[in-house]
């Protein structure tokens, strides 16, 4: 039976606290964040499937590059991670301080992230990347209509399950010696590794719950903790599991019931 570091068990709680802080800060510029609508308003519910289609296309492209050139794929992942760190921190820091100072601190964080990744100081790198992904999750919450968020969270949870069980992730996971290429987009907590997508969607639903009230936020936080603990239990039986389905679908179900009863 696997034994995890105590910090791992507190992860969902820590994530929720960080979301609470960042959500509160970003509320100040909520009106300035554009709403993402890929389809006409009457079809906005299907925006989630457009996002999914883009994800499937990206996954196919990643799989092709994975088979052809690992070095190219790692460069793409590094640049993607650094861009997300730069853009997300710049937005958040600009709320707190002047743009110039925010830019200088942001540039320092990007350089620090690159150096810690190169020298495999994953604890520091993961901390920087973790906060960046929480910011991205909060931005998505402010950018999407409520109906789209519900569908998006459900659809991506099911897609995550399919990807790990039968999809492209299963193909990639089977080649253990080549998995190092994904390290720029992995967040490591002791012996546990999570993809950045997990953090984004955990943060999205946590931030989404704050749009209702603090009780909804507490309900979702408890669901994320319970779902995460179930995931840890499953990791005693399997080497790799999809991180989204249990925590997200449990949280989504409770949030949906809460919205029906109290809205």
C-alpha atoms as a PDB file:
ATOM      1  CA  UNK A   1       0.000   0.000   0.000  1.00  0.00           C
ATOM      2  CA  UNK A   2       1.366   3.403  -1.010  1.00  0.00           C
ATOM      3  CA  UNK A   3       2.173   5.916   1.695  1.00  0.00           C
ATOM      4  CA  UNK A   4       1.813   9.562   0.756  1.00  0.00           C
ATOM      5  CA  UNK A   5       3.374  12.601   2.365  1.00  0.00           C
ATOM      6  CA  UNK A   6       1.006  14.447   4.711  1.00  0.00           C
ATOM      7  CA  UNK A   7       1.124  17.500   2.439  1.00  0.00           C
ATOM      8  CA  UNK A   8      -0.574  15.515  -0.318  1.00  0.00           C
ATOM      9  CA  UNK A   9      -3.671  14.933   1.821  1.00  0.00           C
ATOM     10  CA  UNK A  10      -4.040  18.676   2.438  1.00  0.00           C
ATOM     11  CA  UNK A  11      -3.715  19.548  -1.263  1.00  0.00           C
ATOM     12  CA  UNK A  12      -7.447  20.124  -2.060  1.00  0.00           C
ATOM     13  CA  UNK A  13      -7.797  22.303   1.044  1.00  0.00           C
ATOM     14  CA  UNK A  14      -4.740  24.367   0.091  1.00  0.00           C
ATOM     15  CA  UNK A  15      -6.049  24.704  -3.468  1.00  0.00           C
ATOM     16  CA  UNK A  16      -9.411  25.958  -2.204  1.00  0.00           C
ATOM     17  CA  UNK A  17      -7.748  28.580   0.005  1.00  0.00           C
ATOM     18  CA  UNK A  18      -5.618  29.816  -2.908  1.00  0.00           C
ATOM     19  CA  UNK A  19      -8.715  29.961  -5.136  1.00  0.00           C
ATOM     20  CA  UNK A  20     -10.556  31.938  -2.453  1.00  0.00           C
ATOM     21  CA  UNK A  21      -7.779  34.531  -2.365  1.00  0.00           C
ATOM     22  CA  UNK A  22      -7.285  34.791  -6.136  1.00  0.00           C
ATOM     23  CA  UNK A  23     -11.030  34.818  -6.871  1.00  0.00           C
ATOM     24  CA  UNK A  24     -11.453  37.718  -4.440  1.00  0.00           C
ATOM     25  CA  UNK A  25      -8.621  39.673  -6.078  1.00  0.00           C
ATOM     26  CA  UNK A  26      -9.884  39.046  -9.606  1.00  0.00           C
ATOM     27  CA  UNK A  27     -13.430  40.099  -8.708  1.00  0.00           C
ATOM     28  CA  UNK A  28     -12.087  43.671  -8.866  1.00  0.00           C
ATOM     29  CA  UNK A  29     -11.548  43.353 -12.629  1.00  0.00           C
ATOM     30  CA  UNK A  30     -14.400  40.945 -13.383  1.00  0.00           C
ATOM     31  CA  UNK A  31     -16.148  43.424 -15.678  1.00  0.00           C
ATOM     32  CA  UNK A  32     -12.962  43.787 -17.741  1.00  0.00           C
ATOM     33  CA  UNK A  33     -12.645  40.048 -18.446  1.00  0.00           C
ATOM     34  CA  UNK A  34     -14.411  39.254 -21.746  1.00  0.00           C
ATOM     35  CA  UNK A  35     -16.997  36.472 -21.898  1.00  0.00           C
ATOM     36  CA  UNK A  36     -15.909  33.626 -24.174  1.00  0.00           C
ATOM     37  CA  UNK A  37     -18.695  32.624 -26.564  1.00  0.00           C
ATOM     38  CA  UNK A  38     -17.509  30.491 -29.467  1.00  0.00           C
ATOM     39  CA  UNK A  39     -21.021  29.970 -30.833  1.00  0.00           C
ATOM     40  CA  UNK A  40     -24.027  32.307 -31.113  1.00  0.00           C
ATOM     41  CA  UNK A  41     -25.708  33.011 -27.769  1.00  0.00           C
ATOM     42  CA  UNK A  42     -28.597  30.629 -28.345  1.00  0.00           C
ATOM     43  CA  UNK A  43     -26.083  27.787 -28.824  1.00  0.00           C
ATOM     44  CA  UNK A  44     -23.682  28.786 -26.030  1.00  0.00           C
ATOM     45  CA  UNK A  45     -24.428  25.519 -24.212  1.00  0.00           C
ATOM     46  CA  UNK A  46     -22.500  23.706 -26.948  1.00  0.00           C
ATOM     47  CA  UNK A  47     -19.373  25.838 -26.512  1.00  0.00           C
ATOM     48  CA  UNK A  48     -18.025  23.104 -24.236  1.00  0.00           C
ATOM     49  CA  UNK A  49     -18.069  20.641 -27.126  1.00  0.00           C
ATOM     50  CA  UNK A  50     -16.142  23.096 -29.299  1.00  0.00           C
ATOM     51  CA  UNK A  51     -13.509  23.299 -26.545  1.00  0.00           C
ATOM     52  CA  UNK A  52     -13.477  19.511 -26.446  1.00  0.00           C
ATOM     53  CA  UNK A  53     -13.034  19.297 -30.220  1.00  0.00           C
ATOM     54  CA  UNK A  54     -10.046  21.651 -30.013  1.00  0.00           C
ATOM     55  CA  UNK A  55      -8.641  19.491 -27.200  1.00  0.00           C
ATOM     56  CA  UNK A  56      -9.042  16.323 -29.272  1.00  0.00           C
ATOM     57  CA  UNK A  57      -7.267  17.959 -32.230  1.00  0.00           C
ATOM     58  CA  UNK A  58      -4.460  19.133 -29.920  1.00  0.00           C
ATOM     59  CA  UNK A  59      -4.203  15.652 -28.404  1.00  0.00           C
ATOM     60  CA  UNK A  60      -3.809  14.089 -31.840  1.00  0.00           C
ATOM     61  CA  UNK A  61      -1.112  16.638 -32.725  1.00  0.00           C
ATOM     62  CA  UNK A  62       0.701  15.919 -29.438  1.00  0.00           C
ATOM     63  CA  UNK A  63       0.555  12.185 -30.072  1.00  0.00           C
ATOM     64  CA  UNK A  64       2.010  12.617 -33.577  1.00  0.00           C
ATOM     65  CA  UNK A  65       4.867  14.815 -32.314  1.00  0.00           C
ATOM     66  CA  UNK A  66       5.389  12.435 -29.373  1.00  0.00           C
ATOM     67  CA  UNK A  67       6.099   9.634 -31.842  1.00  0.00           C
ATOM     68  CA  UNK A  68       8.264  11.782 -34.137  1.00  0.00           C
ATOM     69  CA  UNK A  69      10.303  14.172 -31.982  1.00  0.00           C
ATOM     70  CA  UNK A  70      10.442  14.212 -28.183  1.00  0.00           C
ATOM     71  CA  UNK A  71      12.797  17.195 -28.126  1.00  0.00           C
ATOM     72  CA  UNK A  72      10.383  19.314 -30.181  1.00  0.00           C
ATOM     73  CA  UNK A  73       7.477  18.321 -27.971  1.00  0.00           C
ATOM     74  CA  UNK A  74       9.375  19.200 -24.804  1.00  0.00           C
ATOM     75  CA  UNK A  75      10.250  22.632 -26.226  1.00  0.00           C
ATOM     76  CA  UNK A  76       6.565  23.195 -27.045  1.00  0.00           C
ATOM     77  CA  UNK A  77       5.558  22.190 -23.516  1.00  0.00           C
ATOM     78  CA  UNK A  78       8.221  24.412 -21.918  1.00  0.00           C
ATOM     79  CA  UNK A  79       7.178  27.433 -23.992  1.00  0.00           C
ATOM     80  CA  UNK A  80       3.504  26.762 -23.251  1.00  0.00           C
ATOM     81  CA  UNK A  81       4.140  26.521 -19.508  1.00  0.00           C
ATOM     82  CA  UNK A  82       6.272  29.694 -19.461  1.00  0.00           C
ATOM     83  CA  UNK A  83       3.654  31.598 -21.456  1.00  0.00           C
ATOM     84  CA  UNK A  84       0.882  30.548 -19.077  1.00  0.00           C
ATOM     85  CA  UNK A  85       3.014  31.534 -16.089  1.00  0.00           C
ATOM     86  CA  UNK A  86       3.858  34.903 -17.634  1.00  0.00           C
ATOM     87  CA  UNK A  87       0.323  35.786 -18.739  1.00  0.00           C
ATOM     88  CA  UNK A  88      -1.475  34.625 -15.592  1.00  0.00           C
ATOM     89  CA  UNK A  89       0.896  36.197 -13.070  1.00  0.00           C
ATOM     90  CA  UNK A  90       1.003  39.467 -15.018  1.00  0.00           C
ATOM     91  CA  UNK A  91      -2.783  39.712 -14.881  1.00  0.00           C
ATOM     92  CA  UNK A  92      -2.924  38.962 -11.160  1.00  0.00           C
ATOM     93  CA  UNK A  93       0.026  41.128 -10.146  1.00  0.00           C
ATOM     94  CA  UNK A  94      -1.310  44.071 -12.182  1.00  0.00           C
ATOM     95  CA  UNK A  95      -4.350  44.110  -9.893  1.00  0.00           C
ATOM     96  CA  UNK A  96      -2.160  44.414  -6.802  1.00  0.00           C
ATOM     97  CA  UNK A  97       0.540  46.821  -8.029  1.00  0.00           C
ATOM     98  CA  UNK A  98       1.590  49.027 -10.928  1.00  0.00           C
ATOM     99  CA  UNK A  99       2.113  47.415 -14.328  1.00  0.00           C
ATOM    100  CA  UNK A 100       5.885  48.046 -14.471  1.00  0.00           C
ATOM    101  CA  UNK A 101       6.584  46.459 -11.092  1.00  0.00           C
ATOM    102  CA  UNK A 102       4.213  43.608 -11.936  1.00  0.00           C
ATOM    103  CA  UNK A 103       6.084  43.032 -15.199  1.00  0.00           C
ATOM    104  CA  UNK A 104       9.487  42.954 -13.456  1.00  0.00           C
ATOM    105  CA  UNK A 105       8.301  40.464 -10.812  1.00  0.00           C
ATOM    106  CA  UNK A 106       6.581  38.413 -13.496  1.00  0.00           C
ATOM    107  CA  UNK A 107       9.733  38.265 -15.620  1.00  0.00           C
ATOM    108  CA  UNK A 108      11.694  37.132 -12.552  1.00  0.00           C
ATOM    109  CA  UNK A 109       9.151  34.347 -11.901  1.00  0.00           C
ATOM    110  CA  UNK A 110       9.368  33.151 -15.512  1.00  0.00           C
ATOM    111  CA  UNK A 111      13.184  32.996 -15.331  1.00  0.00           C
ATOM    112  CA  UNK A 112      12.982  31.254 -11.955  1.00  0.00           C
ATOM    113  CA  UNK A 113      10.497  28.729 -13.352  1.00  0.00           C
ATOM    114  CA  UNK A 114      12.768  27.979 -16.305  1.00  0.00           C
ATOM    115  CA  UNK A 115      15.870  27.562 -14.126  1.00  0.00           C
ATOM    116  CA  UNK A 116      14.119  25.362 -11.556  1.00  0.00           C
ATOM    117  CA  UNK A 117      12.752  23.204 -14.364  1.00  0.00           C
ATOM    118  CA  UNK A 118      16.190  22.890 -15.984  1.00  0.00           C
ATOM    119  CA  UNK A 119      17.871  21.986 -12.681  1.00  0.00           C
ATOM    120  CA  UNK A 120      14.967  19.738 -11.636  1.00  0.00           C
ATOM    121  CA  UNK A 121      14.023  21.741  -8.564  1.00  0.00           C
ATOM    122  CA  UNK A 122      10.488  20.526  -8.991  1.00  0.00           C
ATOM    123  CA  UNK A 123       9.160  21.725  -5.636  1.00  0.00           C
ATOM    124  CA  UNK A 124       9.787  25.372  -6.564  1.00  0.00           C
ATOM    125  CA  UNK A 125       8.735  24.901 -10.184  1.00  0.00           C
ATOM    126  CA  UNK A 126       5.533  23.113  -9.183  1.00  0.00           C
ATOM    127  CA  UNK A 127       4.631  25.893  -6.728  1.00  0.00           C
ATOM    128  CA  UNK A 128       4.988  28.558  -9.420  1.00  0.00           C
ATOM    129  CA  UNK A 129       3.074  26.516 -11.983  1.00  0.00           C
ATOM    130  CA  UNK A 130       0.369  25.570  -9.467  1.00  0.00           C
ATOM    131  CA  UNK A 131      -0.559  29.181  -8.701  1.00  0.00           C
ATOM    132  CA  UNK A 132      -0.500  30.021 -12.423  1.00  0.00           C
ATOM    133  CA  UNK A 133      -2.999  27.236 -13.139  1.00  0.00           C
ATOM    134  CA  UNK A 134      -5.258  28.368 -10.304  1.00  0.00           C
ATOM    135  CA  UNK A 135      -5.279  31.820 -11.895  1.00  0.00           C
ATOM    136  CA  UNK A 136      -6.170  30.254 -15.266  1.00  0.00           C
ATOM    137  CA  UNK A 137      -9.035  28.345 -13.619  1.00  0.00           C
ATOM    138  CA  UNK A 138     -10.400  31.544 -12.070  1.00  0.00           C
ATOM    139  CA  UNK A 139     -10.100  33.378 -15.396  1.00  0.00           C
ATOM    140  CA  UNK A 140     -12.107  30.613 -17.070  1.00  0.00           C
ATOM    141  CA  UNK A 141     -14.774  30.959 -14.403  1.00  0.00           C
ATOM    142  CA  UNK A 142     -15.095  34.681 -15.082  1.00  0.00           C
ATOM    143  CA  UNK A 143     -14.998  34.155 -18.857  1.00  0.00           C
ATOM    144  CA  UNK A 144     -17.662  31.480 -19.349  1.00  0.00           C
ATOM    145  CA  UNK A 145     -21.469  31.534 -18.915  1.00  0.00           C
ATOM    146  CA  UNK A 146     -22.755  29.298 -16.054  1.00  0.00           C
ATOM    147  CA  UNK A 147     -24.383  26.748 -18.381  1.00  0.00           C
ATOM    148  CA  UNK A 148     -21.158  26.371 -20.355  1.00  0.00           C
ATOM    149  CA  UNK A 149     -19.190  25.810 -17.138  1.00  0.00           C
ATOM    150  CA  UNK A 150     -21.495  23.018 -16.012  1.00  0.00           C
ATOM    151  CA  UNK A 151     -21.266  21.232 -19.366  1.00  0.00           C
ATOM    152  CA  UNK A 152     -17.533  21.893 -19.741  1.00  0.00           C
ATOM    153  CA  UNK A 153     -16.708  20.392 -16.350  1.00  0.00           C
ATOM    154  CA  UNK A 154     -18.845  17.310 -16.973  1.00  0.00           C
ATOM    155  CA  UNK A 155     -17.607  16.738 -20.536  1.00  0.00           C
ATOM    156  CA  UNK A 156     -13.923  17.110 -19.667  1.00  0.00           C
ATOM    157  CA  UNK A 157     -14.257  14.775 -16.686  1.00  0.00           C
ATOM    158  CA  UNK A 158     -15.640  12.072 -18.968  1.00  0.00           C
ATOM    159  CA  UNK A 159     -13.006  12.846 -21.604  1.00  0.00           C
ATOM    160  CA  UNK A 160     -10.274  12.514 -18.972  1.00  0.00           C
ATOM    161  CA  UNK A 161     -11.646   9.091 -18.028  1.00  0.00           C
ATOM    162  CA  UNK A 162     -11.699   7.984 -21.663  1.00  0.00           C
ATOM    163  CA  UNK A 163      -8.212   9.366 -22.394  1.00  0.00           C
ATOM    164  CA  UNK A 164      -6.596   7.442 -19.545  1.00  0.00           C
ATOM    165  CA  UNK A 165      -8.553   4.216 -20.068  1.00  0.00           C
ATOM    166  CA  UNK A 166      -8.637   3.984 -23.869  1.00  0.00           C
ATOM    167  CA  UNK A 167      -7.491   7.251 -25.443  1.00  0.00           C
ATOM    168  CA  UNK A 168      -4.218   8.949 -26.300  1.00  0.00           C
ATOM    169  CA  UNK A 169      -3.060   9.203 -22.675  1.00  0.00           C
ATOM    170  CA  UNK A 170      -3.160   5.419 -22.399  1.00  0.00           C
ATOM    171  CA  UNK A 171      -0.878   5.201 -25.444  1.00  0.00           C
ATOM    172  CA  UNK A 172       1.549   7.710 -23.956  1.00  0.00           C
ATOM    173  CA  UNK A 173       1.504   6.269 -20.414  1.00  0.00           C
ATOM    174  CA  UNK A 174       2.479   2.894 -21.864  1.00  0.00           C
ATOM    175  CA  UNK A 175       5.866   4.332 -22.875  1.00  0.00           C
ATOM    176  CA  UNK A 176       7.289   5.034 -19.413  1.00  0.00           C
ATOM    177  CA  UNK A 177      10.803   5.876 -20.590  1.00  0.00           C
ATOM    178  CA  UNK A 178       9.490   8.826 -22.630  1.00  0.00           C
ATOM    179  CA  UNK A 179       7.172  10.378 -20.043  1.00  0.00           C
ATOM    180  CA  UNK A 180       9.858  12.833 -18.889  1.00  0.00           C
ATOM    181  CA  UNK A 181       8.889  15.034 -21.826  1.00  0.00           C
ATOM    182  CA  UNK A 182       5.678  15.991 -19.987  1.00  0.00           C
ATOM    183  CA  UNK A 183       7.478  17.306 -16.895  1.00  0.00           C
ATOM    184  CA  UNK A 184       6.977  21.005 -17.863  1.00  0.00           C
ATOM    185  CA  UNK A 185       3.207  20.491 -17.557  1.00  0.00           C
ATOM    186  CA  UNK A 186       3.249  18.366 -14.408  1.00  0.00           C
ATOM    187  CA  UNK A 187       2.807  19.531 -10.834  1.00  0.00           C
ATOM    188  CA  UNK A 188       4.620  17.341  -8.327  1.00  0.00           C
ATOM    189  CA  UNK A 189       3.793  17.009  -4.663  1.00  0.00           C
ATOM    190  CA  UNK A 190       6.205  14.551  -3.110  1.00  0.00           C
ATOM    191  CA  UNK A 191       5.514  11.239  -4.907  1.00  0.00           C
ATOM    192  CA  UNK A 192       2.311  12.438  -6.591  1.00  0.00           C
ATOM    193  CA  UNK A 193       2.238  14.024 -10.053  1.00  0.00           C
ATOM    194  CA  UNK A 194      -0.755  15.847 -11.544  1.00  0.00           C
ATOM    195  CA  UNK A 195      -1.296  17.401 -14.941  1.00  0.00           C
ATOM    196  CA  UNK A 196      -1.951  21.127 -15.137  1.00  0.00           C
ATOM    197  CA  UNK A 197      -5.422  20.417 -16.524  1.00  0.00           C
ATOM    198  CA  UNK A 198      -6.452  18.857 -13.205  1.00  0.00           C
ATOM    199  CA  UNK A 199      -5.482  22.025 -11.333  1.00  0.00           C
ATOM    200  CA  UNK A 200      -7.286  24.261 -13.840  1.00  0.00           C
ATOM    201  CA  UNK A 201     -10.563  22.350 -13.555  1.00  0.00           C
ATOM    202  CA  UNK A 202     -10.372  21.966  -9.760  1.00  0.00           C
ATOM    203  CA  UNK A 203      -9.835  25.737  -9.572  1.00  0.00           C
ATOM    204  CA  UNK A 204     -12.615  26.424 -12.078  1.00  0.00           C
ATOM    205  CA  UNK A 205     -15.287  24.598 -10.074  1.00  0.00           C
ATOM    206  CA  UNK A 206     -14.002  26.017  -6.787  1.00  0.00           C
ATOM    207  CA  UNK A 207     -14.126  29.561  -8.199  1.00  0.00           C
ATOM    208  CA  UNK A 208     -17.522  28.819  -9.776  1.00  0.00           C
ATOM    209  CA  UNK A 209     -18.934  27.850  -6.366  1.00  0.00           C
ATOM    210  CA  UNK A 210     -17.865  31.229  -4.972  1.00  0.00           C
ATOM    211  CA  UNK A 211     -20.218  32.872  -7.468  1.00  0.00           C
ATOM    212  CA  UNK A 212     -23.043  31.387  -5.383  1.00  0.00           C
ATOM    213  CA  UNK A 213     -21.923  31.939  -1.785  1.00  0.00           C
ATOM    214  CA  UNK A 214     -19.498  30.698   0.858  1.00  0.00           C
ATOM    215  CA  UNK A 215     -21.720  27.749   1.762  1.00  0.00           C
ATOM    216  CA  UNK A 216     -21.562  26.488  -1.845  1.00  0.00           C
ATOM    217  CA  UNK A 217     -17.807  26.997  -1.736  1.00  0.00           C
ATOM    218  CA  UNK A 218     -17.537  24.899   1.447  1.00  0.00           C
ATOM    219  CA  UNK A 219     -19.706  22.174  -0.093  1.00  0.00           C
ATOM    220  CA  UNK A 220     -17.510  22.018  -3.206  1.00  0.00           C
ATOM    221  CA  UNK A 221     -14.330  22.078  -1.100  1.00  0.00           C
ATOM    222  CA  UNK A 222     -15.566  19.073   0.906  1.00  0.00           C
ATOM    223  CA  UNK A 223     -16.468  17.264  -2.339  1.00  0.00           C
ATOM    224  CA  UNK A 224     -13.019  17.960  -3.797  1.00  0.00           C
ATOM    225  CA  UNK A 225     -11.368  16.654  -0.622  1.00  0.00           C
ATOM    226  CA  UNK A 226     -13.498  13.488  -0.602  1.00  0.00           C
ATOM    227  CA  UNK A 227     -12.953  12.917  -4.341  1.00  0.00           C
ATOM    228  CA  UNK A 228      -9.228  13.502  -4.003  1.00  0.00           C
ATOM    229  CA  UNK A 229      -8.965  11.020  -1.120  1.00  0.00           C
ATOM    230  CA  UNK A 230     -10.815   8.441  -3.222  1.00  0.00           C
ATOM    231  CA  UNK A 231      -8.292   9.070  -6.002  1.00  0.00           C
ATOM    232  CA  UNK A 232      -5.429   8.450  -3.571  1.00  0.00           C
ATOM    233  CA  UNK A 233      -7.081   5.196  -2.504  1.00  0.00           C
ATOM    234  CA  UNK A 234      -7.392   4.136  -6.154  1.00  0.00           C
ATOM    235  CA  UNK A 235      -3.692   4.882  -6.664  1.00  0.00           C
ATOM    236  CA  UNK A 236      -3.013   2.009  -4.267  1.00  0.00           C
ATOM    237  CA  UNK A 237      -4.471  -0.272  -6.912  1.00  0.00           C
ATOM    238  CA  UNK A 238      -3.333   1.433 -10.141  1.00  0.00           C
ATOM    239  CA  UNK A 239      -0.230   3.327 -11.232  1.00  0.00           C
ATOM    240  CA  UNK A 240      -2.152   6.006 -13.141  1.00  0.00           C
ATOM    241  CA  UNK A 241      -5.757   7.153 -12.818  1.00  0.00           C
ATOM    242  CA  UNK A 242      -7.791  10.008 -14.348  1.00  0.00           C
ATOM    243  CA  UNK A 243      -7.737  12.820 -11.812  1.00  0.00           C
ATOM    244  CA  UNK A 244     -10.907  14.673 -12.795  1.00  0.00           C
ATOM    245  CA  UNK A 245     -13.953  12.365 -12.868  1.00  0.00           C
ATOM    246  CA  UNK A 246     -14.538  11.587  -9.193  1.00  0.00           C
ATOM    247  CA  UNK A 247     -13.713  14.997  -7.581  1.00  0.00           C
ATOM    248  CA  UNK A 248     -15.293  17.063 -10.373  1.00  0.00           C
ATOM    249  CA  UNK A 249     -18.459  15.035 -10.957  1.00  0.00           C
ATOM    250  CA  UNK A 250     -19.052  14.757  -7.197  1.00  0.00           C
ATOM    251  CA  UNK A 251     -18.546  18.517  -6.769  1.00  0.00           C
ATOM    252  CA  UNK A 252     -20.630  19.320  -9.836  1.00  0.00           C
ATOM    253  CA  UNK A 253     -23.529  17.153  -8.677  1.00  0.00           C
ATOM    254  CA  UNK A 254     -23.603  18.770  -5.242  1.00  0.00           C
ATOM    255  CA  UNK A 255     -23.271  22.269  -6.701  1.00  0.00           C
ATOM    256  CA  UNK A 256     -26.112  21.578  -9.149  1.00  0.00           C
ATOM    257  CA  UNK A 257     -28.377  20.341  -6.329  1.00  0.00           C
ATOM    258  CA  UNK A 258     -27.387  23.348  -4.211  1.00  0.00           C
ATOM    259  CA  UNK A 259     -28.229  25.741  -7.054  1.00  0.00           C
ATOM    260  CA  UNK A 260     -31.651  24.130  -7.512  1.00  0.00           C
ATOM    261  CA  UNK A 261     -32.514  24.242  -3.816  1.00  0.00           C
ATOM    262  CA  UNK A 262     -31.138  27.631  -2.820  1.00  0.00           C
ATOM    263  CA  UNK A 263     -31.129  29.765  -5.990  1.00  0.00           C
END
